Amino acid sequence: MVLAAAIVGGGIYAGAMGGLVTDPKTLNIGYQPEQPVPFSHAIHAGQLKMDCRYCHNTVFDSAHAAVPPTATCINCHSPANDQGVTALAAVRTESDKLKPIHKSWETGRSMAWKRIHNLPEFVYFNHAAHVNSGVSCKTCHGRIDQMDVVAQHEELSMAWCITCHRNPDPHLRPKEFVTKLDWEPPADWDQEAFAKHQRDPEGENINPQVHCAVCHR
């Protein structure tokens, strides 16, 4: 009886875990939910060259790269009042696409942005630890600055993460270029030497761990 219960329980657990790791909202490349406002990273980060940190301003200081509040959008897309006057910058004030932003600003209710990169609850990931080590946003998120609609670019599986932790050298770059997604090293760049210096105890001492407690806390 106990054995039968264990088998049934194990099957349920395996099914739940199988559903979790294959769910489009967790690890699947190409996951691209529709957002309440069609925000184009290709325009803002690509054409206008806005730094990632303008919107995701906690990425160097916190485990989470903050989702920008409505106030950040309003800095550029301020609504006009009844007299046609705007309090701040008035970029495309009359655009229908911006109406949800203006409503959010007027009511004080946050925008219902949909998370694209969803890790399981039992996984701990620290953005600050990675970008301060010289790992670019591009490594995990791809060329966001070329995306009109953001989609998940990498698998974000445990195996994918461990592969990088075991050999981060190809992904390291000078920290000042972490958010410059189109950065290319100069012609005389020696990636092997640079990575060796970054990982040396007398350099930046970058030594990513692969034991379970790093991510499963």
N, C-alpha and C. Protein backbone atom coordinates (compact mmCIF):
# COMPACT_ATOMS: atom_id res chain seq x y z
N MET A 1 0.82 -1.20 0.00
CA MET A 1 0.00 0.00 0.00
C MET A 1 0.86 1.26 0.00
N VAL A 2 1.89 1.23 0.88
CA VAL A 2 2.80 2.38 0.96
C VAL A 2 3.55 2.56 -0.36
N LEU A 3 3.97 1.42 -0.94
CA LEU A 3 4.69 1.47 -2.21
C LEU A 3 3.81 2.04 -3.31
N ALA A 4 2.55 1.63 -3.32
CA ALA A 4 1.62 2.13 -4.34
C ALA A 4 1.42 3.63 -4.20
N ALA A 5 1.28 4.08 -2.94
CA ALA A 5 1.10 5.52 -2.69
C ALA A 5 2.33 6.30 -3.13
N ALA A 6 3.50 5.73 -2.88
CA ALA A 6 4.75 6.39 -3.26
C ALA A 6 4.85 6.51 -4.78
N ILE A 7 4.43 5.45 -5.48
CA ILE A 7 4.49 5.47 -6.94
C ILE A 7 3.55 6.53 -7.51
N VAL A 8 2.33 6.55 -6.95
CA VAL A 8 1.34 7.55 -7.41
C VAL A 8 1.83 8.96 -7.10
N GLY A 9 2.32 9.14 -5.85
CA GLY A 9 2.82 10.46 -5.47
C GLY A 9 3.99 10.89 -6.32
N GLY A 10 4.88 9.94 -6.61
CA GLY A 10 6.03 10.25 -7.46
C GLY A 10 5.61 10.63 -8.86
N GLY A 11 4.57 9.94 -9.36
CA GLY A 11 4.07 10.28 -10.69
C GLY A 11 3.50 11.67 -10.76
N ILE A 12 2.74 12.02 -9.72
CA ILE A 12 2.16 13.37 -9.66
C ILE A 12 3.25 14.42 -9.59
N TYR A 13 4.26 14.16 -8.75
CA TYR A 13 5.37 15.11 -8.61
C TYR A 13 6.12 15.28 -9.92
N ALA A 14 6.40 14.14 -10.57
CA ALA A 14 7.14 14.19 -11.84
C ALA A 14 6.33 14.94 -12.90
N GLY A 15 5.02 14.72 -12.88
CA GLY A 15 4.17 15.42 -13.85
C GLY A 15 4.17 16.90 -13.60
N ALA A 16 4.11 17.28 -12.31
CA ALA A 16 4.11 18.71 -11.96
C ALA A 16 5.42 19.37 -12.37
N MET A 17 6.52 18.68 -12.07
CA MET A 17 7.83 19.23 -12.42
C MET A 17 8.02 19.28 -13.93
N GLY A 18 7.52 18.27 -14.61
CA GLY A 18 7.61 18.25 -16.07
C GLY A 18 6.84 19.40 -16.67
N GLY A 19 5.65 19.67 -16.10
CA GLY A 19 4.87 20.80 -16.58
C GLY A 19 5.56 22.12 -16.31
N LEU A 20 6.23 22.20 -15.15
CA LEU A 20 6.91 23.45 -14.79
C LEU A 20 8.05 23.76 -15.74
N VAL A 21 8.89 22.76 -16.00
CA VAL A 21 10.09 23.05 -16.79
C VAL A 21 9.81 23.19 -18.28
N THR A 22 8.62 22.78 -18.71
CA THR A 22 8.31 22.93 -20.12
C THR A 22 7.29 24.02 -20.38
N ASP A 23 6.82 24.65 -19.31
CA ASP A 23 5.83 25.71 -19.47
C ASP A 23 6.43 26.89 -20.22
N PRO A 24 5.72 27.48 -21.18
CA PRO A 24 6.25 28.61 -21.95
C PRO A 24 6.66 29.78 -21.09
N LYS A 25 6.09 29.88 -19.89
CA LYS A 25 6.39 31.02 -19.05
C LYS A 25 7.64 30.82 -18.20
N THR A 26 8.30 29.68 -18.34
CA THR A 26 9.50 29.45 -17.54
C THR A 26 10.75 29.36 -18.38
N LEU A 27 10.87 28.34 -19.20
CA LEU A 27 12.16 28.10 -19.85
C LEU A 27 12.13 28.09 -21.38
N ASN A 28 11.02 28.27 -21.99
CA ASN A 28 10.95 28.09 -23.44
C ASN A 28 11.42 29.30 -24.24
N ILE A 29 12.36 29.05 -25.13
CA ILE A 29 12.83 30.09 -26.04
C ILE A 29 11.67 30.55 -26.93
N GLY A 30 11.58 31.85 -27.11
CA GLY A 30 10.55 32.39 -27.99
C GLY A 30 9.29 32.84 -27.27
N TYR A 31 9.21 32.63 -25.96
CA TYR A 31 8.02 33.07 -25.22
C TYR A 31 7.88 34.59 -25.38
N GLN A 32 6.71 35.02 -25.85
CA GLN A 32 6.52 36.42 -26.24
C GLN A 32 5.10 36.87 -25.90
N PRO A 33 4.82 37.15 -24.64
CA PRO A 33 3.47 37.55 -24.26
C PRO A 33 3.12 38.94 -24.80
N GLU A 34 1.85 39.16 -25.01
CA GLU A 34 1.40 40.48 -25.46
C GLU A 34 1.35 41.42 -24.26
N GLN A 35 1.96 42.58 -24.39
CA GLN A 35 2.02 43.54 -23.30
C GLN A 35 0.87 44.54 -23.40
N PRO A 36 0.52 45.19 -22.29
CA PRO A 36 -0.58 46.16 -22.31
C PRO A 36 -0.28 47.40 -23.17
N VAL A 37 1.02 47.65 -23.39
CA VAL A 37 1.46 48.75 -24.26
C VAL A 37 2.54 48.20 -25.18
N PRO A 38 2.46 48.44 -26.47
CA PRO A 38 3.46 47.91 -27.41
C PRO A 38 4.79 48.68 -27.35
N PHE A 39 5.51 48.49 -26.26
CA PHE A 39 6.79 49.17 -26.06
C PHE A 39 7.85 48.52 -26.95
N SER A 40 8.54 49.32 -27.74
CA SER A 40 9.56 48.80 -28.65
C SER A 40 10.96 49.09 -28.10
N HIS A 41 11.67 48.03 -27.73
CA HIS A 41 13.07 48.19 -27.33
C HIS A 41 13.93 48.58 -28.54
N ALA A 42 13.52 48.16 -29.73
CA ALA A 42 14.28 48.51 -30.94
C ALA A 42 14.31 50.01 -31.14
N ILE A 43 13.23 50.70 -30.78
CA ILE A 43 13.20 52.16 -30.90
C ILE A 43 13.94 52.80 -29.74
N HIS A 44 13.59 52.42 -28.52
CA HIS A 44 14.14 53.10 -27.33
C HIS A 44 15.62 52.77 -27.09
N ALA A 45 15.94 51.48 -27.04
CA ALA A 45 17.33 51.08 -26.78
C ALA A 45 18.16 51.06 -28.06
N GLY A 46 17.50 50.79 -29.20
CA GLY A 46 18.22 50.70 -30.47
C GLY A 46 18.41 52.04 -31.14
N GLN A 47 17.34 52.61 -31.67
CA GLN A 47 17.43 53.87 -32.41
C GLN A 47 17.82 55.04 -31.51
N LEU A 48 17.19 55.14 -30.34
CA LEU A 48 17.43 56.28 -29.45
C LEU A 48 18.63 56.08 -28.52
N LYS A 49 19.16 54.85 -28.49
CA LYS A 49 20.36 54.54 -27.69
C LYS A 49 20.16 54.79 -26.19
N MET A 50 18.96 54.59 -25.72
CA MET A 50 18.72 54.73 -24.28
C MET A 50 19.39 53.58 -23.54
N ASP A 51 20.11 53.91 -22.48
CA ASP A 51 20.78 52.89 -21.68
C ASP A 51 19.75 52.06 -20.92
N CYS A 52 20.02 50.76 -20.82
CA CYS A 52 19.11 49.85 -20.12
C CYS A 52 18.78 50.36 -18.71
N ARG A 53 19.76 51.02 -18.09
CA ARG A 53 19.60 51.44 -16.70
C ARG A 53 18.63 52.59 -16.52
N TYR A 54 18.24 53.26 -17.59
CA TYR A 54 17.26 54.33 -17.42
C TYR A 54 15.93 53.76 -16.94
N CYS A 55 15.55 52.61 -17.48
CA CYS A 55 14.29 51.98 -17.07
C CYS A 55 14.52 50.92 -15.99
N HIS A 56 15.57 50.12 -16.16
CA HIS A 56 15.85 49.04 -15.20
C HIS A 56 16.97 49.53 -14.27
N ASN A 57 16.61 50.50 -13.45
CA ASN A 57 17.64 51.27 -12.72
C ASN A 57 18.24 50.58 -11.51
N THR A 58 17.78 49.40 -11.14
CA THR A 58 18.36 48.72 -9.98
C THR A 58 19.28 47.56 -10.39
N VAL A 59 19.51 47.40 -11.68
CA VAL A 59 20.18 46.20 -12.15
C VAL A 59 21.61 46.05 -11.61
N PHE A 60 22.29 47.15 -11.31
CA PHE A 60 23.66 47.07 -10.79
C PHE A 60 23.70 46.99 -9.26
N ASP A 61 22.55 47.17 -8.63
CA ASP A 61 22.53 47.23 -7.17
C ASP A 61 21.65 46.19 -6.50
N SER A 62 20.86 45.49 -7.29
CA SER A 62 19.87 44.61 -6.71
C SER A 62 19.81 43.27 -7.45
N ALA A 63 19.23 42.29 -6.80
CA ALA A 63 19.04 41.00 -7.45
C ALA A 63 18.07 41.13 -8.62
N HIS A 64 17.15 42.08 -8.52
CA HIS A 64 16.13 42.26 -9.56
C HIS A 64 16.40 43.49 -10.40
N ALA A 65 16.19 43.35 -11.70
CA ALA A 65 16.26 44.50 -12.61
C ALA A 65 14.87 45.12 -12.65
N ALA A 66 14.68 46.19 -11.92
CA ALA A 66 13.35 46.74 -11.69
C ALA A 66 12.55 46.96 -12.96
N VAL A 67 11.27 46.61 -12.89
CA VAL A 67 10.34 46.96 -13.96
C VAL A 67 10.03 48.45 -13.79
N PRO A 68 10.19 49.26 -14.83
CA PRO A 68 10.02 50.70 -14.65
C PRO A 68 8.60 51.08 -14.24
N PRO A 69 8.46 52.00 -13.28
CA PRO A 69 7.13 52.48 -12.91
C PRO A 69 6.59 53.40 -14.00
N THR A 70 5.32 53.68 -13.93
CA THR A 70 4.69 54.55 -14.93
C THR A 70 5.37 55.92 -14.97
N ALA A 71 5.86 56.38 -13.84
CA ALA A 71 6.51 57.69 -13.78
C ALA A 71 7.69 57.78 -14.73
N THR A 72 8.39 56.68 -14.93
CA THR A 72 9.53 56.67 -15.85
C THR A 72 9.05 56.93 -17.28
N CYS A 73 7.95 56.29 -17.66
CA CYS A 73 7.39 56.50 -19.00
C CYS A 73 6.91 57.94 -19.16
N ILE A 74 6.31 58.47 -18.11
CA ILE A 74 5.74 59.82 -18.15
C ILE A 74 6.83 60.89 -18.30
N ASN A 75 8.05 60.58 -17.90
CA ASN A 75 9.14 61.54 -18.09
C ASN A 75 9.24 61.98 -19.55
N CYS A 76 8.91 61.08 -20.46
CA CYS A 76 8.96 61.41 -21.89
C CYS A 76 7.58 61.53 -22.52
N HIS A 77 6.61 60.80 -21.97
CA HIS A 77 5.29 60.72 -22.59
C HIS A 77 4.22 61.32 -21.70
N SER A 78 4.44 62.54 -21.27
CA SER A 78 3.50 63.21 -20.39
C SER A 78 2.18 63.51 -21.10
N PRO A 79 1.02 63.25 -20.46
CA PRO A 79 -0.26 63.56 -21.09
C PRO A 79 -0.56 65.06 -21.04
N ALA A 80 -1.34 65.51 -21.98
CA ALA A 80 -1.73 66.92 -22.01
C ALA A 80 -3.00 67.12 -21.17
N ASN A 81 -3.10 68.28 -20.51
CA ASN A 81 -4.31 68.57 -19.74
C ASN A 81 -5.39 69.16 -20.65
N ASP A 82 -6.46 69.65 -20.08
CA ASP A 82 -7.57 70.18 -20.87
C ASP A 82 -7.17 71.37 -21.72
N GLN A 83 -6.11 72.04 -21.32
CA GLN A 83 -5.62 73.20 -22.08
C GLN A 83 -4.53 72.80 -23.09
N GLY A 84 -4.28 71.50 -23.16
CA GLY A 84 -3.26 71.02 -24.09
C GLY A 84 -1.84 71.19 -23.59
N VAL A 85 -1.69 71.43 -22.29
CA VAL A 85 -0.36 71.65 -21.70
C VAL A 85 0.12 70.37 -21.03
N THR A 86 1.38 70.05 -21.23
CA THR A 86 1.97 68.87 -20.60
C THR A 86 2.90 69.28 -19.47
N ALA A 87 2.94 68.45 -18.44
CA ALA A 87 3.79 68.76 -17.28
C ALA A 87 5.25 68.48 -17.56
N LEU A 88 5.50 67.45 -18.38
CA LEU A 88 6.87 67.07 -18.68
C LEU A 88 7.03 66.97 -20.18
N ALA A 89 7.95 66.15 -20.65
CA ALA A 89 8.16 66.01 -22.09
C ALA A 89 6.91 65.43 -22.75
N ALA A 90 6.65 65.86 -23.96
CA ALA A 90 5.41 65.45 -24.65
C ALA A 90 5.74 64.74 -25.95
N VAL A 91 6.27 63.53 -25.85
CA VAL A 91 6.57 62.75 -27.04
C VAL A 91 5.35 61.91 -27.40
N ARG A 92 4.78 62.15 -28.56
CA ARG A 92 3.61 61.42 -29.06
C ARG A 92 2.47 61.41 -28.04
N THR A 93 2.16 62.56 -27.51
CA THR A 93 1.14 62.68 -26.48
C THR A 93 -0.22 62.14 -26.92
N GLU A 94 -0.55 62.32 -28.19
CA GLU A 94 -1.88 61.93 -28.67
C GLU A 94 -1.96 60.48 -29.13
N SER A 95 -0.90 59.72 -29.01
CA SER A 95 -0.91 58.33 -29.49
C SER A 95 -1.88 57.46 -28.70
N ASP A 96 -2.73 56.73 -29.41
CA ASP A 96 -3.65 55.81 -28.75
C ASP A 96 -2.90 54.72 -27.99
N LYS A 97 -1.71 54.37 -28.47
CA LYS A 97 -0.94 53.31 -27.83
C LYS A 97 -0.50 53.70 -26.42
N LEU A 98 -0.45 55.01 -26.16
CA LEU A 98 -0.01 55.48 -24.85
C LEU A 98 -1.15 55.70 -23.87
N LYS A 99 -2.38 55.49 -24.30
CA LYS A 99 -3.52 55.73 -23.41
C LYS A 99 -3.46 54.91 -22.13
N PRO A 100 -3.05 53.63 -22.18
CA PRO A 100 -2.94 52.88 -20.92
C PRO A 100 -1.91 53.48 -19.96
N ILE A 101 -0.84 54.05 -20.50
CA ILE A 101 0.17 54.71 -19.66
C ILE A 101 -0.43 55.94 -19.00
N HIS A 102 -1.14 56.74 -19.78
CA HIS A 102 -1.75 57.96 -19.23
C HIS A 102 -2.81 57.63 -18.19
N LYS A 103 -3.57 56.56 -18.43
CA LYS A 103 -4.59 56.14 -17.46
C LYS A 103 -3.92 55.68 -16.17
N SER A 104 -2.83 54.93 -16.30
CA SER A 104 -2.09 54.48 -15.13
C SER A 104 -1.59 55.66 -14.31
N TRP A 105 -1.10 56.68 -15.01
CA TRP A 105 -0.58 57.87 -14.35
C TRP A 105 -1.70 58.63 -13.62
N GLU A 106 -2.85 58.72 -14.27
CA GLU A 106 -3.97 59.48 -13.69
C GLU A 106 -4.61 58.75 -12.51
N THR A 107 -4.66 57.43 -12.58
CA THR A 107 -5.35 56.66 -11.53
C THR A 107 -4.41 56.19 -10.42
N GLY A 108 -3.11 56.17 -10.72
CA GLY A 108 -2.16 55.67 -9.72
C GLY A 108 -2.06 54.16 -9.69
N ARG A 109 -2.71 53.50 -10.63
CA ARG A 109 -2.66 52.03 -10.69
C ARG A 109 -1.52 51.60 -11.61
N SER A 110 -0.71 50.68 -11.13
CA SER A 110 0.47 50.25 -11.89
C SER A 110 0.07 49.55 -13.19
N MET A 111 0.96 49.65 -14.16
CA MET A 111 0.76 48.92 -15.41
C MET A 111 0.92 47.42 -15.17
N ALA A 112 0.10 46.64 -15.84
CA ALA A 112 0.15 45.18 -15.68
C ALA A 112 1.10 44.58 -16.70
N TRP A 113 2.39 44.96 -16.60
CA TRP A 113 3.38 44.39 -17.50
C TRP A 113 3.49 42.88 -17.25
N LYS A 114 3.71 42.11 -18.29
CA LYS A 114 3.82 40.67 -18.16
C LYS A 114 5.29 40.25 -18.18
N ARG A 115 5.67 39.51 -17.16
CA ARG A 115 7.05 39.04 -17.06
C ARG A 115 7.35 38.06 -18.20
N ILE A 116 8.50 38.23 -18.82
CA ILE A 116 8.88 37.37 -19.95
C ILE A 116 9.85 36.29 -19.50
N HIS A 117 10.83 36.68 -18.70
CA HIS A 117 11.84 35.72 -18.25
C HIS A 117 11.47 35.24 -16.86
N ASN A 118 10.83 34.08 -16.81
CA ASN A 118 10.32 33.53 -15.56
C ASN A 118 11.13 32.32 -15.13
N LEU A 119 11.81 32.44 -14.02
CA LEU A 119 12.50 31.28 -13.45
C LEU A 119 11.61 30.65 -12.38
N PRO A 120 11.75 29.36 -12.15
CA PRO A 120 10.96 28.72 -11.08
C PRO A 120 11.23 29.41 -9.74
N GLU A 121 10.27 29.33 -8.83
CA GLU A 121 10.38 30.01 -7.54
C GLU A 121 11.56 29.52 -6.71
N PHE A 122 11.99 28.29 -6.98
CA PHE A 122 13.09 27.73 -6.17
C PHE A 122 14.46 28.10 -6.72
N VAL A 123 14.50 28.97 -7.73
CA VAL A 123 15.77 29.38 -8.33
C VAL A 123 16.06 30.83 -7.94
N TYR A 124 17.27 31.05 -7.43
CA TYR A 124 17.70 32.40 -7.07
C TYR A 124 18.67 32.92 -8.12
N PHE A 125 18.37 34.10 -8.67
CA PHE A 125 19.26 34.72 -9.66
C PHE A 125 19.49 36.17 -9.25
N ASN A 126 20.74 36.58 -9.25
CA ASN A 126 21.10 37.93 -8.84
C ASN A 126 21.65 38.72 -10.03
N HIS A 127 20.88 39.69 -10.52
CA HIS A 127 21.32 40.50 -11.65
C HIS A 127 22.61 41.27 -11.32
N ALA A 128 22.65 41.88 -10.14
CA ALA A 128 23.80 42.71 -9.78
C ALA A 128 25.09 41.91 -9.78
N ALA A 129 25.05 40.68 -9.30
CA ALA A 129 26.26 39.86 -9.26
C ALA A 129 26.80 39.60 -10.66
N HIS A 130 25.92 39.48 -11.62
CA HIS A 130 26.34 39.17 -12.99
C HIS A 130 26.85 40.41 -13.72
N VAL A 131 26.09 41.49 -13.71
CA VAL A 131 26.52 42.67 -14.46
C VAL A 131 27.76 43.31 -13.85
N ASN A 132 27.90 43.24 -12.53
CA ASN A 132 29.10 43.78 -11.88
C ASN A 132 30.32 42.90 -12.12
N SER A 133 30.11 41.71 -12.65
CA SER A 133 31.22 40.84 -13.02
C SER A 133 31.58 40.99 -14.49
N GLY A 134 30.80 41.80 -15.21
CA GLY A 134 31.10 42.03 -16.62
C GLY A 134 30.32 41.14 -17.57
N VAL A 135 29.22 40.57 -17.09
CA VAL A 135 28.36 39.76 -17.96
C VAL A 135 27.28 40.67 -18.53
N SER A 136 27.26 40.81 -19.83
CA SER A 136 26.33 41.74 -20.47
C SER A 136 24.89 41.24 -20.43
N CYS A 137 23.97 42.18 -20.48
CA CYS A 137 22.54 41.85 -20.60
C CYS A 137 22.31 40.95 -21.81
N LYS A 138 23.13 41.16 -22.84
CA LYS A 138 23.00 40.42 -24.10
C LYS A 138 23.16 38.91 -23.90
N THR A 139 24.00 38.51 -22.94
CA THR A 139 24.28 37.09 -22.74
C THR A 139 23.01 36.30 -22.46
N CYS A 140 22.14 36.84 -21.62
CA CYS A 140 20.91 36.13 -21.27
C CYS A 140 19.71 36.58 -22.09
N HIS A 141 19.67 37.87 -22.42
CA HIS A 141 18.47 38.43 -23.06
C HIS A 141 18.60 38.63 -24.56
N GLY A 142 19.78 38.40 -25.12
CA GLY A 142 19.96 38.61 -26.54
C GLY A 142 20.00 40.09 -26.89
N ARG A 143 19.87 40.39 -28.18
CA ARG A 143 19.92 41.77 -28.63
C ARG A 143 18.56 42.44 -28.44
N ILE A 144 18.28 42.75 -27.20
CA ILE A 144 17.03 43.42 -26.84
C ILE A 144 16.85 44.71 -27.65
N ASP A 145 17.98 45.36 -27.94
CA ASP A 145 17.92 46.63 -28.66
C ASP A 145 17.48 46.47 -30.11
N GLN A 146 17.29 45.24 -30.55
CA GLN A 146 16.80 44.99 -31.91
C GLN A 146 15.40 44.39 -31.92
N MET A 147 14.79 44.30 -30.76
CA MET A 147 13.48 43.67 -30.64
C MET A 147 12.36 44.69 -30.54
N ASP A 148 11.43 44.66 -31.48
CA ASP A 148 10.22 45.47 -31.34
C ASP A 148 9.33 44.87 -30.26
N VAL A 149 9.27 43.56 -30.25
CA VAL A 149 8.52 42.84 -29.21
C VAL A 149 9.50 41.87 -28.55
N VAL A 150 9.70 42.03 -27.27
CA VAL A 150 10.71 41.22 -26.56
C VAL A 150 10.23 39.77 -26.44
N ALA A 151 11.14 38.87 -26.73
CA ALA A 151 10.88 37.44 -26.57
C ALA A 151 12.05 36.81 -25.81
N GLN A 152 11.80 35.71 -25.15
CA GLN A 152 12.88 35.02 -24.45
C GLN A 152 13.88 34.48 -25.46
N HIS A 153 15.15 34.80 -25.24
CA HIS A 153 16.18 34.50 -26.22
C HIS A 153 16.95 33.23 -25.90
N GLU A 154 17.10 32.91 -24.62
CA GLU A 154 17.88 31.74 -24.21
C GLU A 154 17.01 30.77 -23.42
N GLU A 155 17.49 29.55 -23.28
CA GLU A 155 16.73 28.51 -22.61
C GLU A 155 16.58 28.76 -21.12
N LEU A 156 17.60 29.33 -20.49
CA LEU A 156 17.60 29.62 -19.05
C LEU A 156 17.41 28.37 -18.19
N SER A 157 17.85 27.25 -18.69
CA SER A 157 17.76 26.00 -17.92
C SER A 157 18.95 25.91 -16.96
N MET A 158 18.89 24.96 -16.05
CA MET A 158 20.00 24.77 -15.12
C MET A 158 21.27 24.40 -15.87
N ALA A 159 21.15 23.53 -16.87
CA ALA A 159 22.33 23.12 -17.64
C ALA A 159 22.94 24.31 -18.36
N TRP A 160 22.08 25.20 -18.89
CA TRP A 160 22.57 26.38 -19.60
C TRP A 160 23.35 27.30 -18.66
N CYS A 161 22.83 27.49 -17.46
CA CYS A 161 23.49 28.35 -16.48
C CYS A 161 24.83 27.74 -16.02
N ILE A 162 24.82 26.45 -15.75
CA ILE A 162 26.03 25.79 -15.26
C ILE A 162 27.13 25.82 -16.32
N THR A 163 26.75 25.68 -17.58
CA THR A 163 27.74 25.74 -18.66
C THR A 163 28.49 27.06 -18.63
N CYS A 164 27.78 28.14 -18.39
CA CYS A 164 28.42 29.46 -18.31
C CYS A 164 29.25 29.59 -17.04
N HIS A 165 28.74 29.07 -15.93
CA HIS A 165 29.49 29.15 -14.68
C HIS A 165 30.81 28.37 -14.77
N ARG A 166 30.78 27.28 -15.50
CA ARG A 166 32.00 26.49 -15.64
C ARG A 166 33.03 27.17 -16.55
N ASN A 167 32.54 27.94 -17.51
CA ASN A 167 33.44 28.65 -18.41
C ASN A 167 32.83 30.00 -18.80
N PRO A 168 32.96 31.00 -17.91
CA PRO A 168 32.37 32.31 -18.19
C PRO A 168 33.22 33.17 -19.12
N ASP A 169 34.43 32.72 -19.44
CA ASP A 169 35.39 33.56 -20.17
C ASP A 169 34.82 34.21 -21.44
N PRO A 170 34.09 33.50 -22.29
CA PRO A 170 33.60 34.14 -23.52
C PRO A 170 32.57 35.23 -23.27
N HIS A 171 31.97 35.23 -22.07
CA HIS A 171 30.87 36.16 -21.78
C HIS A 171 31.30 37.39 -21.01
N LEU A 172 32.57 37.46 -20.63
CA LEU A 172 33.05 38.59 -19.84
C LEU A 172 33.47 39.74 -20.74
N ARG A 173 33.16 40.96 -20.30
CA ARG A 173 33.57 42.16 -21.01
C ARG A 173 33.80 43.26 -19.98
N PRO A 174 34.43 44.38 -20.36
CA PRO A 174 34.60 45.48 -19.42
C PRO A 174 33.25 45.92 -18.88
N LYS A 175 33.17 46.16 -17.59
CA LYS A 175 31.88 46.45 -16.95
C LYS A 175 31.19 47.68 -17.54
N GLU A 176 31.98 48.64 -18.01
CA GLU A 176 31.38 49.86 -18.56
C GLU A 176 30.62 49.60 -19.86
N PHE A 177 30.80 48.41 -20.45
CA PHE A 177 30.12 48.09 -21.70
C PHE A 177 29.04 47.02 -21.52
N VAL A 178 28.71 46.72 -20.29
CA VAL A 178 27.73 45.66 -20.01
C VAL A 178 26.37 45.98 -20.63
N THR A 179 25.95 47.24 -20.55
CA THR A 179 24.63 47.61 -21.09
C THR A 179 24.70 48.15 -22.52
N LYS A 180 25.89 48.18 -23.08
CA LYS A 180 26.04 48.59 -24.48
C LYS A 180 25.94 47.32 -25.32
N LEU A 181 24.74 47.02 -25.77
CA LEU A 181 24.48 45.71 -26.36
C LEU A 181 25.15 45.51 -27.71
N ASP A 182 25.48 46.60 -28.39
CA ASP A 182 26.13 46.47 -29.69
C ASP A 182 27.65 46.58 -29.60
N TRP A 183 28.18 46.47 -28.37
CA TRP A 183 29.63 46.60 -28.18
C TRP A 183 30.38 45.48 -28.89
N GLU A 184 31.42 45.85 -29.58
CA GLU A 184 32.32 44.90 -30.22
C GLU A 184 33.74 45.21 -29.75
N PRO A 185 34.52 44.20 -29.38
CA PRO A 185 35.89 44.46 -28.91
C PRO A 185 36.74 45.01 -30.05
N PRO A 186 37.74 45.83 -29.71
CA PRO A 186 38.63 46.37 -30.74
C PRO A 186 39.43 45.26 -31.44
N ALA A 187 40.02 45.61 -32.56
CA ALA A 187 40.71 44.62 -33.40
C ALA A 187 41.83 43.90 -32.65
N ASP A 188 42.49 44.60 -31.74
CA ASP A 188 43.63 44.00 -31.03
C ASP A 188 43.22 43.37 -29.70
N TRP A 189 41.93 43.16 -29.50
CA TRP A 189 41.41 42.64 -28.23
C TRP A 189 41.81 41.18 -28.03
N ASP A 190 42.27 40.86 -26.82
CA ASP A 190 42.64 39.50 -26.46
C ASP A 190 41.67 39.03 -25.37
N GLN A 191 40.62 38.36 -25.78
CA GLN A 191 39.58 37.93 -24.84
C GLN A 191 40.12 36.97 -23.80
N GLU A 192 41.02 36.07 -24.22
CA GLU A 192 41.57 35.09 -23.29
C GLU A 192 42.36 35.77 -22.18
N ALA A 193 43.18 36.75 -22.55
CA ALA A 193 43.98 37.46 -21.55
C ALA A 193 43.10 38.30 -20.64
N PHE A 194 42.10 38.95 -21.23
CA PHE A 194 41.18 39.77 -20.44
C PHE A 194 40.44 38.92 -19.42
N ALA A 195 39.89 37.78 -19.87
CA ALA A 195 39.15 36.91 -18.97
C ALA A 195 40.05 36.35 -17.87
N LYS A 196 41.29 36.04 -18.22
CA LYS A 196 42.23 35.52 -17.23
C LYS A 196 42.47 36.54 -16.13
N HIS A 197 42.62 37.81 -16.52
CA HIS A 197 42.82 38.88 -15.53
C HIS A 197 41.58 39.05 -14.66
N GLN A 198 40.40 39.00 -15.28
CA GLN A 198 39.17 39.18 -14.52
C GLN A 198 38.96 38.06 -13.50
N ARG A 199 39.41 36.87 -13.84
CA ARG A 199 39.20 35.73 -12.95
C ARG A 199 40.32 35.55 -11.93
N ASP A 200 41.42 36.24 -12.14
CA ASP A 200 42.57 36.15 -11.24
C ASP A 200 42.22 36.78 -9.88
N PRO A 201 42.64 36.17 -8.77
CA PRO A 201 42.39 36.75 -7.43
C PRO A 201 42.94 38.17 -7.29
N GLU A 202 44.00 38.50 -8.04
CA GLU A 202 44.56 39.85 -7.97
C GLU A 202 43.84 40.80 -8.94
N GLY A 203 42.94 40.25 -9.75
CA GLY A 203 42.13 41.08 -10.64
C GLY A 203 40.76 41.27 -10.03
N GLU A 204 39.72 40.81 -10.72
CA GLU A 204 38.36 40.93 -10.21
C GLU A 204 37.93 39.69 -9.41
N ASN A 205 38.74 38.65 -9.46
CA ASN A 205 38.47 37.43 -8.70
C ASN A 205 37.09 36.84 -9.03
N ILE A 206 36.78 36.79 -10.30
CA ILE A 206 35.51 36.21 -10.73
C ILE A 206 35.65 34.70 -10.79
N ASN A 207 34.93 34.05 -9.92
CA ASN A 207 35.05 32.60 -9.82
C ASN A 207 33.67 32.00 -9.55
N PRO A 208 32.81 31.93 -10.58
CA PRO A 208 31.44 31.43 -10.37
C PRO A 208 31.41 30.00 -9.88
N GLN A 209 30.52 29.75 -8.94
CA GLN A 209 30.40 28.43 -8.34
C GLN A 209 29.33 27.61 -9.05
N VAL A 210 29.40 26.30 -8.87
CA VAL A 210 28.43 25.42 -9.51
C VAL A 210 27.71 24.51 -8.50
N HIS A 211 27.97 24.70 -7.20
CA HIS A 211 27.28 23.85 -6.24
C HIS A 211 25.82 24.32 -6.07
N CYS A 212 25.00 23.43 -5.59
CA CYS A 212 23.55 23.64 -5.58
C CYS A 212 23.11 24.90 -4.85
N ALA A 213 23.80 25.22 -3.72
CA ALA A 213 23.37 26.34 -2.89
C ALA A 213 23.51 27.70 -3.55
N VAL A 214 24.24 27.76 -4.66
CA VAL A 214 24.41 29.04 -5.36
C VAL A 214 23.06 29.54 -5.86
N CYS A 215 22.27 28.65 -6.42
CA CYS A 215 20.99 29.05 -7.03
C CYS A 215 19.77 28.53 -6.26
N HIS A 216 19.95 27.44 -5.53
CA HIS A 216 18.82 26.86 -4.79
C HIS A 216 18.99 27.16 -3.31
N ARG A 217 18.34 28.25 -2.88
CA ARG A 217 18.53 28.70 -1.49
C ARG A 217 17.23 28.58 -0.68
